[in-house]
Amino acid sequence: MSIEQTLQERSGSKCELCGATDHLSVYEVPPSDGSADQAVLVCGTCKSQIESPDTMDANHWRCLNDSMWSPVPAVQVMAYRLLNALRAEGWPQDLLDMMYLEEETKAWADAGLPDDDDDAIVHKDSNGNTLQEGDDVTLIKDLDVKGAGFTAKRGTLVKNIHLTDNPLHIEGKVNGTQIVLVAAYLKKA
């Protein structure tokens, strides 16, 4: 029996991710040994979005709420990876928190995720220099500090900065007050 026939039988001739019944094809879940155990049967819509992540329609993937509970490890791995890819949408985090994967399946699923280092936030000053936690910076523009009632003057040295989750902002103390500063108005000291 071919891999496609095995998957057709296993899935009841439906996409194992969304349940669609047309334009079905085999998708090998990388890294794969080419067996049916490491492949899923997917529809054309799912396959095109898996292969071109920049075209992902978050609403289409609400189907993962059901398919993540599949007893088939390859389907679980695909659901896990897709939910991770959609985390920026907000709603997948609840599903990821509920999802349980056996240790071996989780290792397989994690092997296909991009490294977190690729998504690292980079903070740059006005000259394009990369800022690091603890650096000292100098203001290149007078900044009104709203709520604190003072103006941070150009040339003020801000020591031991703290990086934020936003690459455009850093935190530092000016006149004894911890404030958020726009990185574009700073230069590395």
C-alpha atoms as a PDB file:
ATOM      1  CA  MET A   1       0.000   0.000   0.000  1.00  0.00           C
ATOM      2  CA  SER A   2       1.365   3.470  -0.906  1.00  0.00           C
ATOM      3  CA  ILE A   3       1.896   6.240   1.634  1.00  0.00           C
ATOM      4  CA  GLU A   4      -0.994   8.208   0.140  1.00  0.00           C
ATOM      5  CA  GLN A   5      -3.337   5.202   0.399  1.00  0.00           C
ATOM      6  CA  THR A   6      -2.257   4.634   4.015  1.00  0.00           C
ATOM      7  CA  LEU A   7      -2.914   8.280   4.863  1.00  0.00           C
ATOM      8  CA  GLN A   8      -6.260   8.263   3.019  1.00  0.00           C
ATOM      9  CA  GLU A   9      -7.311   5.281   5.115  1.00  0.00           C
ATOM     10  CA  ARG A  10      -5.979   6.772   8.375  1.00  0.00           C
ATOM     11  CA  SER A  11      -7.707  10.130   7.821  1.00  0.00           C
ATOM     12  CA  GLY A  12     -10.943   8.944   6.253  1.00  0.00           C
ATOM     13  CA  SER A  13      -9.999  10.827   3.050  1.00  0.00           C
ATOM     14  CA  LYS A  14      -9.971  14.209   4.826  1.00  0.00           C
ATOM     15  CA  CYS A  15      -7.293  16.810   5.478  1.00  0.00           C
ATOM     16  CA  GLU A  16      -5.820  15.825   8.822  1.00  0.00           C
ATOM     17  CA  LEU A  17      -5.508  19.478   9.819  1.00  0.00           C
ATOM     18  CA  CYS A  18      -8.734  21.182   8.684  1.00  0.00           C
ATOM     19  CA  GLY A  19     -11.026  18.357   7.561  1.00  0.00           C
ATOM     20  CA  ALA A  20     -11.378  19.480   3.908  1.00  0.00           C
ATOM     21  CA  THR A  21     -11.955  16.703   1.366  1.00  0.00           C
ATOM     22  CA  ASP A  22     -10.657  18.179  -1.902  1.00  0.00           C
ATOM     23  CA  HIS A  23      -7.159  18.570  -3.389  1.00  0.00           C
ATOM     24  CA  LEU A  24      -5.573  16.212  -0.859  1.00  0.00           C
ATOM     25  CA  SER A  25      -1.870  15.399  -0.982  1.00  0.00           C
ATOM     26  CA  VAL A  26       0.890  13.990   1.199  1.00  0.00           C
ATOM     27  CA  TYR A  27       3.018  16.390   3.233  1.00  0.00           C
ATOM     28  CA  GLU A  28       6.127  14.917   4.852  1.00  0.00           C
ATOM     29  CA  VAL A  29       6.702  16.471   8.275  1.00  0.00           C
ATOM     30  CA  PRO A  30      10.409  17.333   8.432  1.00  0.00           C
ATOM     31  CA  PRO A  31      12.697  15.836   9.446  1.00  0.00           C
ATOM     32  CA  SER A  32      11.067  12.797   7.870  1.00  0.00           C
ATOM     33  CA  ASP A  33      12.164   9.284   7.032  1.00  0.00           C
ATOM     34  CA  GLY A  34       9.600   9.150   4.214  1.00  0.00           C
ATOM     35  CA  SER A  35       7.184   6.861   6.056  1.00  0.00           C
ATOM     36  CA  ALA A  36       3.451   7.355   6.522  1.00  0.00           C
ATOM     37  CA  ASP A  37       4.079   7.777  10.254  1.00  0.00           C
ATOM     38  CA  GLN A  38       6.014  10.972   9.519  1.00  0.00           C
ATOM     39  CA  ALA A  39       3.586  12.439   7.011  1.00  0.00           C
ATOM     40  CA  VAL A  40       0.116  13.978   7.029  1.00  0.00           C
ATOM     41  CA  LEU A  41      -2.632  14.196   4.428  1.00  0.00           C
ATOM     42  CA  VAL A  42      -3.399  17.878   3.787  1.00  0.00           C
ATOM     43  CA  CYS A  43      -5.648  19.884   1.493  1.00  0.00           C
ATOM     44  CA  GLY A  44      -4.320  22.393  -1.034  1.00  0.00           C
ATOM     45  CA  THR A  45      -5.115  25.362   1.223  1.00  0.00           C
ATOM     46  CA  CYS A  46      -3.228  23.959   4.213  1.00  0.00           C
ATOM     47  CA  LYS A  47      -0.281  22.842   2.090  1.00  0.00           C
ATOM     48  CA  SER A  48       0.143  26.210   0.365  1.00  0.00           C
ATOM     49  CA  GLN A  49       0.079  28.061   3.695  1.00  0.00           C
ATOM     50  CA  ILE A  50       2.519  25.612   5.309  1.00  0.00           C
ATOM     51  CA  GLU A  51       4.948  25.997   2.414  1.00  0.00           C
ATOM     52  CA  SER A  52       4.537  29.822   2.282  1.00  0.00           C
ATOM     53  CA  PRO A  53       4.166  30.954   5.916  1.00  0.00           C
ATOM     54  CA  ASP A  54       3.905  34.619   4.888  1.00  0.00           C
ATOM     55  CA  THR A  55       0.498  33.792   3.329  1.00  0.00           C
ATOM     56  CA  MET A  56      -0.947  32.212   6.491  1.00  0.00           C
ATOM     57  CA  ASP A  57      -4.590  33.069   7.187  1.00  0.00           C
ATOM     58  CA  ALA A  58      -4.976  32.920  10.982  1.00  0.00           C
ATOM     59  CA  ASN A  59      -8.724  32.274  10.733  1.00  0.00           C
ATOM     60  CA  HIS A  60      -8.181  29.170   8.580  1.00  0.00           C
ATOM     61  CA  TRP A  61      -5.979  27.709  11.312  1.00  0.00           C
ATOM     62  CA  ARG A  62      -8.688  27.860  13.988  1.00  0.00           C
ATOM     63  CA  CYS A  63      -9.222  24.257  12.867  1.00  0.00           C
ATOM     64  CA  LEU A  64      -6.129  23.371  14.900  1.00  0.00           C
ATOM     65  CA  ASN A  65      -8.335  23.564  17.987  1.00  0.00           C
ATOM     66  CA  ASP A  66      -9.627  20.137  16.907  1.00  0.00           C
ATOM     67  CA  SER A  67      -6.686  18.601  15.040  1.00  0.00           C
ATOM     68  CA  MET A  68      -4.218  19.214  17.897  1.00  0.00           C
ATOM     69  CA  TRP A  69      -6.022  16.419  19.789  1.00  0.00           C
ATOM     70  CA  SER A  70      -5.332  13.848  17.063  1.00  0.00           C
ATOM     71  CA  PRO A  71      -3.757  10.617  18.322  1.00  0.00           C
ATOM     72  CA  VAL A  72      -1.379  10.726  15.301  1.00  0.00           C
ATOM     73  CA  PRO A  73       2.029  12.159  16.282  1.00  0.00           C
ATOM     74  CA  ALA A  74       2.655  13.705  12.826  1.00  0.00           C
ATOM     75  CA  VAL A  75      -0.625  15.644  13.082  1.00  0.00           C
ATOM     76  CA  GLN A  76       0.242  16.747  16.631  1.00  0.00           C
ATOM     77  CA  VAL A  77       3.651  17.977  15.429  1.00  0.00           C
ATOM     78  CA  MET A  78       2.112  19.989  12.581  1.00  0.00           C
ATOM     79  CA  ALA A  79      -0.514  21.502  14.902  1.00  0.00           C
ATOM     80  CA  TYR A  80       2.190  22.448  17.426  1.00  0.00           C
ATOM     81  CA  ARG A  81       4.408  24.064  14.785  1.00  0.00           C
ATOM     82  CA  LEU A  82       1.540  25.970  13.182  1.00  0.00           C
ATOM     83  CA  LEU A  83       0.262  27.235  16.537  1.00  0.00           C
ATOM     84  CA  ASN A  84       3.786  28.451  17.329  1.00  0.00           C
ATOM     85  CA  ALA A  85       3.951  30.224  13.962  1.00  0.00           C
ATOM     86  CA  LEU A  86       0.659  31.982  14.777  1.00  0.00           C
ATOM     87  CA  ARG A  87       1.569  33.065  18.334  1.00  0.00           C
ATOM     88  CA  ALA A  88       1.657  36.714  17.285  1.00  0.00           C
ATOM     89  CA  GLU A  89      -2.106  36.480  16.747  1.00  0.00           C
ATOM     90  CA  GLY A  90      -2.599  35.948  20.484  1.00  0.00           C
ATOM     91  CA  TRP A  91      -5.204  33.185  20.507  1.00  0.00           C
ATOM     92  CA  PRO A  92      -2.889  30.209  19.818  1.00  0.00           C
ATOM     93  CA  GLN A  93      -1.100  30.580  23.160  1.00  0.00           C
ATOM     94  CA  ASP A  94      -4.115  29.161  25.030  1.00  0.00           C
ATOM     95  CA  LEU A  95      -4.092  26.105  22.770  1.00  0.00           C
ATOM     96  CA  LEU A  96      -0.334  25.666  23.136  1.00  0.00           C
ATOM     97  CA  ASP A  97      -0.722  25.804  26.922  1.00  0.00           C
ATOM     98  CA  MET A  98      -3.303  22.987  26.776  1.00  0.00           C
ATOM     99  CA  MET A  99      -1.395  20.825  24.332  1.00  0.00           C
ATOM    100  CA  TYR A 100       0.444  17.797  25.673  1.00  0.00           C
ATOM    101  CA  LEU A 101       3.057  15.989  23.571  1.00  0.00           C
ATOM    102  CA  GLU A 102       4.985  12.871  24.478  1.00  0.00           C
ATOM    103  CA  GLU A 103       8.690  13.602  24.999  1.00  0.00           C
ATOM    104  CA  GLU A 104       9.774  12.105  21.658  1.00  0.00           C
ATOM    105  CA  THR A 105       6.977  13.887  19.757  1.00  0.00           C
ATOM    106  CA  LYS A 106       7.816  17.214  21.438  1.00  0.00           C
ATOM    107  CA  ALA A 107      11.479  16.852  20.437  1.00  0.00           C
ATOM    108  CA  TRP A 108      10.394  16.216  16.824  1.00  0.00           C
ATOM    109  CA  ALA A 109       8.050  19.224  16.911  1.00  0.00           C
ATOM    110  CA  ASP A 110      10.728  21.521  18.366  1.00  0.00           C
ATOM    111  CA  ALA A 111      13.258  20.367  15.750  1.00  0.00           C
ATOM    112  CA  GLY A 112      11.163  22.037  13.047  1.00  0.00           C
ATOM    113  CA  LEU A 113      10.771  25.388  14.790  1.00  0.00           C
ATOM    114  CA  PRO A 114      12.998  28.311  13.851  1.00  0.00           C
ATOM    115  CA  ASP A 115      15.723  29.189  16.358  1.00  0.00           C
ATOM    116  CA  ASP A 116      14.735  31.950  18.771  1.00  0.00           C
ATOM    117  CA  ASP A 117      18.025  33.675  17.938  1.00  0.00           C
ATOM    118  CA  ASP A 118      16.642  34.463  14.477  1.00  0.00           C
ATOM    119  CA  ASP A 119      13.867  36.493  16.092  1.00  0.00           C
ATOM    120  CA  ALA A 120      16.097  38.320  18.574  1.00  0.00           C
ATOM    121  CA  ILE A 121      15.195  41.963  19.104  1.00  0.00           C
ATOM    122  CA  VAL A 122      17.982  44.350  18.090  1.00  0.00           C
ATOM    123  CA  HIS A 123      18.126  47.846  19.572  1.00  0.00           C
ATOM    124  CA  LYS A 124      20.022  50.452  17.539  1.00  0.00           C
ATOM    125  CA  ASP A 125      20.991  54.027  18.373  1.00  0.00           C
ATOM    126  CA  SER A 126      20.693  57.028  16.029  1.00  0.00           C
ATOM    127  CA  ASN A 127      23.944  56.046  14.281  1.00  0.00           C
ATOM    128  CA  GLY A 128      22.909  52.434  13.735  1.00  0.00           C
ATOM    129  CA  ASN A 129      25.137  51.042  16.495  1.00  0.00           C
ATOM    130  CA  THR A 130      23.743  48.011  18.309  1.00  0.00           C
ATOM    131  CA  LEU A 131      22.869  48.730  21.942  1.00  0.00           C
ATOM    132  CA  GLN A 132      23.445  46.127  24.661  1.00  0.00           C
ATOM    133  CA  GLU A 133      22.033  45.765  28.156  1.00  0.00           C
ATOM    134  CA  GLY A 134      24.078  47.975  30.527  1.00  0.00           C
ATOM    135  CA  ASP A 135      25.502  50.306  27.845  1.00  0.00           C
ATOM    136  CA  ASP A 136      25.858  54.031  28.452  1.00  0.00           C
ATOM    137  CA  VAL A 137      24.173  56.400  25.974  1.00  0.00           C
ATOM    138  CA  THR A 138      23.992  60.146  25.401  1.00  0.00           C
ATOM    139  CA  LEU A 139      20.851  62.073  24.430  1.00  0.00           C
ATOM    140  CA  ILE A 140      21.171  63.842  21.064  1.00  0.00           C
ATOM    141  CA  LYS A 141      17.987  65.898  21.483  1.00  0.00           C
ATOM    142  CA  ASP A 142      16.157  67.684  24.322  1.00  0.00           C
ATOM    143  CA  LEU A 143      13.307  65.420  25.437  1.00  0.00           C
ATOM    144  CA  ASP A 144      10.239  66.524  27.432  1.00  0.00           C
ATOM    145  CA  VAL A 145       9.624  63.904  30.109  1.00  0.00           C
ATOM    146  CA  LYS A 146       5.861  63.763  30.384  1.00  0.00           C
ATOM    147  CA  GLY A 147       4.561  63.159  33.894  1.00  0.00           C
ATOM    148  CA  ALA A 148       7.887  63.908  35.560  1.00  0.00           C
ATOM    149  CA  GLY A 149       7.858  67.654  34.912  1.00  0.00           C
ATOM    150  CA  PHE A 150      11.347  68.130  33.492  1.00  0.00           C
ATOM    151  CA  THR A 151      13.222  68.192  30.199  1.00  0.00           C
ATOM    152  CA  ALA A 152      16.103  65.787  29.622  1.00  0.00           C
ATOM    153  CA  LYS A 153      18.716  67.973  27.946  1.00  0.00           C
ATOM    154  CA  ARG A 154      20.806  67.094  24.902  1.00  0.00           C
ATOM    155  CA  GLY A 155      24.170  65.704  25.981  1.00  0.00           C
ATOM    156  CA  THR A 156      22.799  64.042  29.125  1.00  0.00           C
ATOM    157  CA  LEU A 157      24.613  60.775  29.840  1.00  0.00           C
ATOM    158  CA  VAL A 158      22.313  57.841  30.659  1.00  0.00           C
ATOM    159  CA  LYS A 159      24.256  55.027  32.328  1.00  0.00           C
ATOM    160  CA  ASN A 160      23.458  51.339  32.542  1.00  0.00           C
ATOM    161  CA  ILE A 161      20.486  51.211  30.147  1.00  0.00           C
ATOM    162  CA  HIS A 162      17.896  48.436  30.173  1.00  0.00           C
ATOM    163  CA  LEU A 163      16.603  46.981  26.875  1.00  0.00           C
ATOM    164  CA  THR A 164      12.844  46.521  26.384  1.00  0.00           C
ATOM    165  CA  ASP A 165      10.758  44.175  24.238  1.00  0.00           C
ATOM    166  CA  ASN A 166      10.290  47.040  21.777  1.00  0.00           C
ATOM    167  CA  PRO A 167      13.397  47.612  19.589  1.00  0.00           C
ATOM    168  CA  LEU A 168      12.554  51.330  19.376  1.00  0.00           C
ATOM    169  CA  HIS A 169      12.698  51.948  23.151  1.00  0.00           C
ATOM    170  CA  ILE A 170      15.188  51.558  25.991  1.00  0.00           C
ATOM    171  CA  GLU A 171      14.875  52.374  29.682  1.00  0.00           C
ATOM    172  CA  GLY A 172      17.285  54.432  31.717  1.00  0.00           C
ATOM    173  CA  LYS A 173      17.554  56.848  34.651  1.00  0.00           C
ATOM    174  CA  VAL A 174      17.606  60.582  33.989  1.00  0.00           C
ATOM    175  CA  ASN A 175      17.673  62.946  36.998  1.00  0.00           C
ATOM    176  CA  GLY A 176      17.056  59.935  39.254  1.00  0.00           C
ATOM    177  CA  THR A 177      13.839  58.985  37.410  1.00  0.00           C
ATOM    178  CA  GLN A 178      13.504  55.731  35.435  1.00  0.00           C
ATOM    179  CA  ILE A 179      12.066  56.646  32.026  1.00  0.00           C
ATOM    180  CA  VAL A 180      11.535  55.102  28.599  1.00  0.00           C
ATOM    181  CA  LEU A 181      13.687  56.675  25.894  1.00  0.00           C
ATOM    182  CA  VAL A 182      13.398  56.475  22.122  1.00  0.00           C
ATOM    183  CA  ALA A 183      16.539  54.772  20.790  1.00  0.00           C
ATOM    184  CA  ALA A 184      16.583  57.074  17.733  1.00  0.00           C
ATOM    185  CA  TYR A 185      17.330  60.043  20.060  1.00  0.00           C
ATOM    186  CA  LEU A 186      20.389  58.388  21.599  1.00  0.00           C
ATOM    187  CA  LYS A 187      23.954  57.654  20.655  1.00  0.00           C
ATOM    188  CA  LYS A 188      26.191  55.072  22.251  1.00  0.00           C
ATOM    189  CA  ALA A 189      28.624  56.735  24.650  1.00  0.00           C
END
